[in-house]
Every structure is written in C-alpha cells, then in structure tokens.
Amino acid sequence: MSTTICYGRQDCHDLHSWGPGIRTCYVLHYIIKGKGTFINGGKSYALAAGESFVIRPFDNISYYPMKKNPGSTHGLSLTVKNMLLCLTV
C-alpha cells in the first residue's frame, strides 16, 4: 500500500498560487528556489529557498510566490494515517 497520494515539482514562474482553500490530506512543501508567502489561520509567513511548510488537513490556507523571485517547490501529499506513520519512524 502506498503512503503517498501524490508528489511533484511546481515551477512558479507563471505565478502559480493556491487558495484560499482546504486540503483533505497533509501536504509537505520544500522551496527549491525563490520566495513566497504561506497564509494559515490569518497569519502570514514569508518563505525562501531551503525552507519548508506543512499544510494540515482542513486548515484554510493560501500560498503564492513573490512576483520578482517566484522560484519552484517540491510537494508531497500524504493521508493523515500515513503522515502519522512517517512521523513515528
């Protein structure tokens, strides 16, 4: 049984953004290059290459790249059960 729902790399040079919205699984993002903003629970977090952020199930979130330095990210989506398994290893 696979623990991954999906994974991939997003090139944000087209200013791809997401939200506001809700996911039904955990999503781990790692910023490869560039800068962006992650908003969760009304709090805004500035992010840059080398940093990560976690989207928890049912949190209302948004994320978007900076126009002058959009960069790219890697993403990995996991079910709640499988995220817990990964954290206990």
N, C-alpha and C. Protein backbone atom coordinates (compact mmCIF):
# COMPACT_ATOMS: atom_id res chain seq x y z
N MET A 1 0.84 -1.19 0.00
CA MET A 1 0.00 0.00 0.00
C MET A 1 0.88 1.24 0.00
N SER A 2 0.61 2.15 -0.85
CA SER A 2 1.38 3.38 -0.95
C SER A 2 0.94 4.38 0.12
N THR A 3 1.94 5.07 0.69
CA THR A 3 1.63 6.09 1.69
C THR A 3 1.47 7.46 1.05
N THR A 4 1.77 7.57 -0.22
CA THR A 4 1.74 8.85 -0.92
C THR A 4 0.48 8.98 -1.76
N ILE A 5 -0.17 10.12 -1.67
CA ILE A 5 -1.31 10.41 -2.55
C ILE A 5 -0.79 10.96 -3.87
N CYS A 6 0.10 11.94 -3.80
CA CYS A 6 0.73 12.47 -5.00
C CYS A 6 1.98 13.25 -4.61
N TYR A 7 2.82 13.49 -5.59
CA TYR A 7 4.02 14.28 -5.37
C TYR A 7 4.39 14.95 -6.67
N GLY A 8 5.21 15.99 -6.58
CA GLY A 8 5.62 16.65 -7.80
C GLY A 8 6.42 17.90 -7.53
N ARG A 9 6.75 18.56 -8.61
CA ARG A 9 7.51 19.80 -8.56
C ARG A 9 6.68 20.87 -9.27
N GLN A 10 6.61 22.04 -8.68
CA GLN A 10 5.85 23.14 -9.27
C GLN A 10 6.80 24.27 -9.62
N ASP A 11 6.88 24.61 -10.89
CA ASP A 11 7.64 25.78 -11.32
C ASP A 11 6.69 26.96 -11.21
N CYS A 12 7.04 27.92 -10.38
CA CYS A 12 6.12 29.04 -10.08
C CYS A 12 6.38 30.28 -10.92
N HIS A 13 7.15 30.15 -12.01
CA HIS A 13 7.42 31.34 -12.84
C HIS A 13 6.16 31.89 -13.49
N ASP A 14 5.11 31.06 -13.58
CA ASP A 14 3.83 31.56 -14.09
C ASP A 14 2.99 32.15 -12.96
N LEU A 15 3.61 32.31 -11.77
CA LEU A 15 2.98 32.85 -10.55
C LEU A 15 1.84 31.96 -10.07
N HIS A 16 2.00 30.64 -10.27
CA HIS A 16 1.03 29.67 -9.77
C HIS A 16 0.84 29.86 -8.27
N SER A 17 -0.40 29.93 -7.84
CA SER A 17 -0.72 30.07 -6.41
C SER A 17 -1.87 29.13 -6.08
N TRP A 18 -2.17 29.01 -4.80
CA TRP A 18 -3.27 28.14 -4.40
C TRP A 18 -4.00 28.77 -3.22
N GLY A 19 -5.33 28.72 -3.25
CA GLY A 19 -6.15 29.17 -2.13
C GLY A 19 -6.75 30.54 -2.34
N PRO A 20 -7.52 30.97 -1.37
CA PRO A 20 -7.76 30.25 -0.12
C PRO A 20 -8.58 28.99 -0.37
N GLY A 21 -8.23 27.96 0.39
CA GLY A 21 -8.91 26.69 0.25
C GLY A 21 -8.49 25.70 1.32
N ILE A 22 -9.09 24.53 1.25
CA ILE A 22 -8.88 23.49 2.25
C ILE A 22 -8.43 22.21 1.54
N ARG A 23 -7.42 21.55 2.07
CA ARG A 23 -6.98 20.24 1.59
C ARG A 23 -7.48 19.18 2.56
N THR A 24 -7.64 17.95 2.09
CA THR A 24 -8.12 16.87 2.96
C THR A 24 -6.99 15.93 3.38
N CYS A 25 -5.76 16.30 3.08
CA CYS A 25 -4.61 15.49 3.45
C CYS A 25 -3.48 16.43 3.87
N TYR A 26 -2.42 15.85 4.41
CA TYR A 26 -1.22 16.64 4.69
C TYR A 26 -0.49 16.89 3.39
N VAL A 27 0.07 18.08 3.24
CA VAL A 27 0.91 18.39 2.08
C VAL A 27 2.19 19.03 2.62
N LEU A 28 3.32 18.44 2.28
CA LEU A 28 4.63 18.97 2.67
C LEU A 28 5.22 19.67 1.45
N HIS A 29 5.65 20.91 1.63
CA HIS A 29 6.28 21.65 0.54
C HIS A 29 7.70 22.03 0.94
N TYR A 30 8.63 21.87 0.01
CA TYR A 30 10.00 22.30 0.20
C TYR A 30 10.31 23.29 -0.91
N ILE A 31 10.80 24.47 -0.54
CA ILE A 31 11.08 25.51 -1.52
C ILE A 31 12.49 25.32 -2.07
N ILE A 32 12.59 25.04 -3.35
CA ILE A 32 13.88 24.79 -4.00
C ILE A 32 14.60 26.10 -4.27
N LYS A 33 13.88 27.04 -4.83
CA LYS A 33 14.46 28.37 -5.10
C LYS A 33 13.34 29.38 -5.11
N GLY A 34 13.71 30.64 -4.94
CA GLY A 34 12.73 31.71 -4.94
C GLY A 34 12.17 32.00 -3.56
N LYS A 35 11.12 32.82 -3.55
CA LYS A 35 10.47 33.25 -2.31
C LYS A 35 8.96 33.25 -2.49
N GLY A 36 8.25 33.17 -1.37
CA GLY A 36 6.81 33.19 -1.43
C GLY A 36 6.20 33.45 -0.07
N THR A 37 4.88 33.36 -0.02
CA THR A 37 4.13 33.61 1.21
C THR A 37 3.15 32.47 1.45
N PHE A 38 3.09 32.02 2.69
CA PHE A 38 2.15 30.99 3.12
C PHE A 38 1.25 31.62 4.16
N ILE A 39 -0.07 31.50 3.99
CA ILE A 39 -1.04 32.08 4.93
C ILE A 39 -1.87 30.95 5.52
N ASN A 40 -1.90 30.88 6.84
CA ASN A 40 -2.66 29.85 7.55
C ASN A 40 -3.25 30.47 8.81
N GLY A 41 -4.56 30.35 8.95
CA GLY A 41 -5.21 30.88 10.15
C GLY A 41 -5.07 32.38 10.30
N GLY A 42 -5.00 33.09 9.19
CA GLY A 42 -4.88 34.54 9.24
C GLY A 42 -3.46 35.03 9.48
N LYS A 43 -2.50 34.13 9.69
CA LYS A 43 -1.10 34.52 9.88
C LYS A 43 -0.35 34.31 8.57
N SER A 44 0.50 35.27 8.25
CA SER A 44 1.26 35.24 7.02
C SER A 44 2.73 34.92 7.33
N TYR A 45 3.31 34.02 6.55
CA TYR A 45 4.70 33.59 6.75
C TYR A 45 5.48 33.80 5.46
N ALA A 46 6.56 34.59 5.54
CA ALA A 46 7.45 34.78 4.39
C ALA A 46 8.39 33.58 4.33
N LEU A 47 8.52 32.98 3.14
CA LEU A 47 9.34 31.78 2.97
C LEU A 47 10.35 31.99 1.86
N ALA A 48 11.48 31.25 1.95
CA ALA A 48 12.53 31.37 0.94
C ALA A 48 13.14 30.00 0.69
N ALA A 49 13.98 29.93 -0.35
CA ALA A 49 14.65 28.68 -0.72
C ALA A 49 15.30 28.04 0.50
N GLY A 50 15.14 26.70 0.59
CA GLY A 50 15.70 25.95 1.71
C GLY A 50 14.74 25.77 2.86
N GLU A 51 13.58 26.42 2.81
CA GLU A 51 12.59 26.30 3.87
C GLU A 51 11.44 25.40 3.41
N SER A 52 10.67 24.93 4.39
CA SER A 52 9.52 24.07 4.14
C SER A 52 8.30 24.60 4.86
N PHE A 53 7.13 24.13 4.42
CA PHE A 53 5.91 24.39 5.18
C PHE A 53 4.99 23.19 5.04
N VAL A 54 4.11 23.02 6.03
CA VAL A 54 3.19 21.90 6.08
C VAL A 54 1.76 22.42 6.03
N ILE A 55 0.97 21.84 5.16
CA ILE A 55 -0.46 22.13 5.11
C ILE A 55 -1.15 20.98 5.84
N ARG A 56 -1.91 21.29 6.86
CA ARG A 56 -2.64 20.27 7.61
C ARG A 56 -4.05 20.11 7.04
N PRO A 57 -4.60 18.91 7.17
CA PRO A 57 -5.95 18.70 6.67
C PRO A 57 -6.95 19.68 7.29
N PHE A 58 -7.78 20.24 6.45
CA PHE A 58 -8.91 21.09 6.83
C PHE A 58 -8.51 22.47 7.36
N ASP A 59 -7.23 22.86 7.27
CA ASP A 59 -6.83 24.24 7.54
C ASP A 59 -7.14 25.07 6.29
N ASN A 60 -7.65 26.28 6.48
CA ASN A 60 -7.92 27.17 5.37
C ASN A 60 -6.63 27.94 5.07
N ILE A 61 -6.02 27.65 3.94
CA ILE A 61 -4.70 28.20 3.64
C ILE A 61 -4.64 28.83 2.25
N SER A 62 -3.58 29.60 2.05
CA SER A 62 -3.21 30.13 0.73
C SER A 62 -1.70 30.13 0.65
N TYR A 63 -1.18 29.97 -0.55
CA TYR A 63 0.25 30.21 -0.75
C TYR A 63 0.46 30.74 -2.15
N TYR A 64 1.46 31.61 -2.26
CA TYR A 64 1.73 32.21 -3.56
C TYR A 64 3.18 32.68 -3.62
N PRO A 65 3.77 32.71 -4.82
CA PRO A 65 5.16 33.13 -4.99
C PRO A 65 5.27 34.65 -5.07
N MET A 66 6.48 35.15 -4.79
CA MET A 66 6.76 36.57 -4.99
C MET A 66 6.90 36.83 -6.48
N LYS A 67 6.39 37.94 -6.94
CA LYS A 67 6.44 38.25 -8.37
C LYS A 67 7.87 38.42 -8.87
N LYS A 68 8.74 39.02 -8.06
CA LYS A 68 10.11 39.30 -8.50
C LYS A 68 11.04 38.09 -8.37
N ASN A 69 10.64 37.07 -7.61
CA ASN A 69 11.51 35.91 -7.39
C ASN A 69 10.65 34.67 -7.13
N PRO A 70 9.89 34.20 -8.15
CA PRO A 70 8.90 33.16 -7.91
C PRO A 70 9.45 31.77 -7.59
N GLY A 71 10.51 31.32 -8.23
CA GLY A 71 11.13 30.04 -7.92
C GLY A 71 10.29 28.81 -8.19
N SER A 72 10.54 27.74 -7.39
CA SER A 72 9.82 26.48 -7.55
C SER A 72 9.82 25.70 -6.24
N THR A 73 8.90 24.74 -6.14
CA THR A 73 8.75 23.94 -4.93
C THR A 73 8.59 22.47 -5.28
N HIS A 74 8.90 21.61 -4.32
CA HIS A 74 8.56 20.19 -4.37
C HIS A 74 7.41 20.00 -3.41
N GLY A 75 6.45 19.16 -3.75
CA GLY A 75 5.32 18.89 -2.87
C GLY A 75 5.08 17.40 -2.73
N LEU A 76 4.61 16.99 -1.55
CA LEU A 76 4.30 15.60 -1.26
C LEU A 76 3.02 15.58 -0.45
N SER A 77 2.01 14.85 -0.91
CA SER A 77 0.71 14.76 -0.22
C SER A 77 0.59 13.39 0.43
N LEU A 78 0.18 13.37 1.69
CA LEU A 78 0.04 12.13 2.46
C LEU A 78 -1.30 12.11 3.18
N THR A 79 -1.87 10.92 3.36
CA THR A 79 -3.08 10.80 4.18
C THR A 79 -2.72 11.05 5.63
N VAL A 80 -3.71 11.34 6.45
CA VAL A 80 -3.48 11.58 7.88
C VAL A 80 -2.82 10.35 8.51
N LYS A 81 -3.36 9.18 8.27
CA LYS A 81 -2.82 7.95 8.84
C LYS A 81 -1.36 7.75 8.45
N ASN A 82 -1.05 7.94 7.18
CA ASN A 82 0.31 7.71 6.72
C ASN A 82 1.27 8.81 7.14
N MET A 83 0.79 10.02 7.33
CA MET A 83 1.63 11.09 7.86
C MET A 83 2.06 10.73 9.28
N LEU A 84 1.13 10.23 10.08
CA LEU A 84 1.45 9.82 11.44
C LEU A 84 2.47 8.69 11.45
N LEU A 85 2.36 7.76 10.53
CA LEU A 85 3.35 6.69 10.41
C LEU A 85 4.73 7.23 10.08
N CYS A 86 4.80 8.18 9.17
CA CYS A 86 6.08 8.78 8.80
C CYS A 86 6.73 9.51 9.97
N LEU A 87 5.93 10.15 10.79
CA LEU A 87 6.47 10.92 11.92
C LEU A 87 6.95 10.02 13.05
N THR A 88 6.49 8.79 13.11
CA THR A 88 6.90 7.89 14.20
C THR A 88 8.09 7.04 13.81
N VAL A 89 8.54 7.09 12.58
CA VAL A 89 9.68 6.26 12.13
C VAL A 89 10.97 6.86 12.63
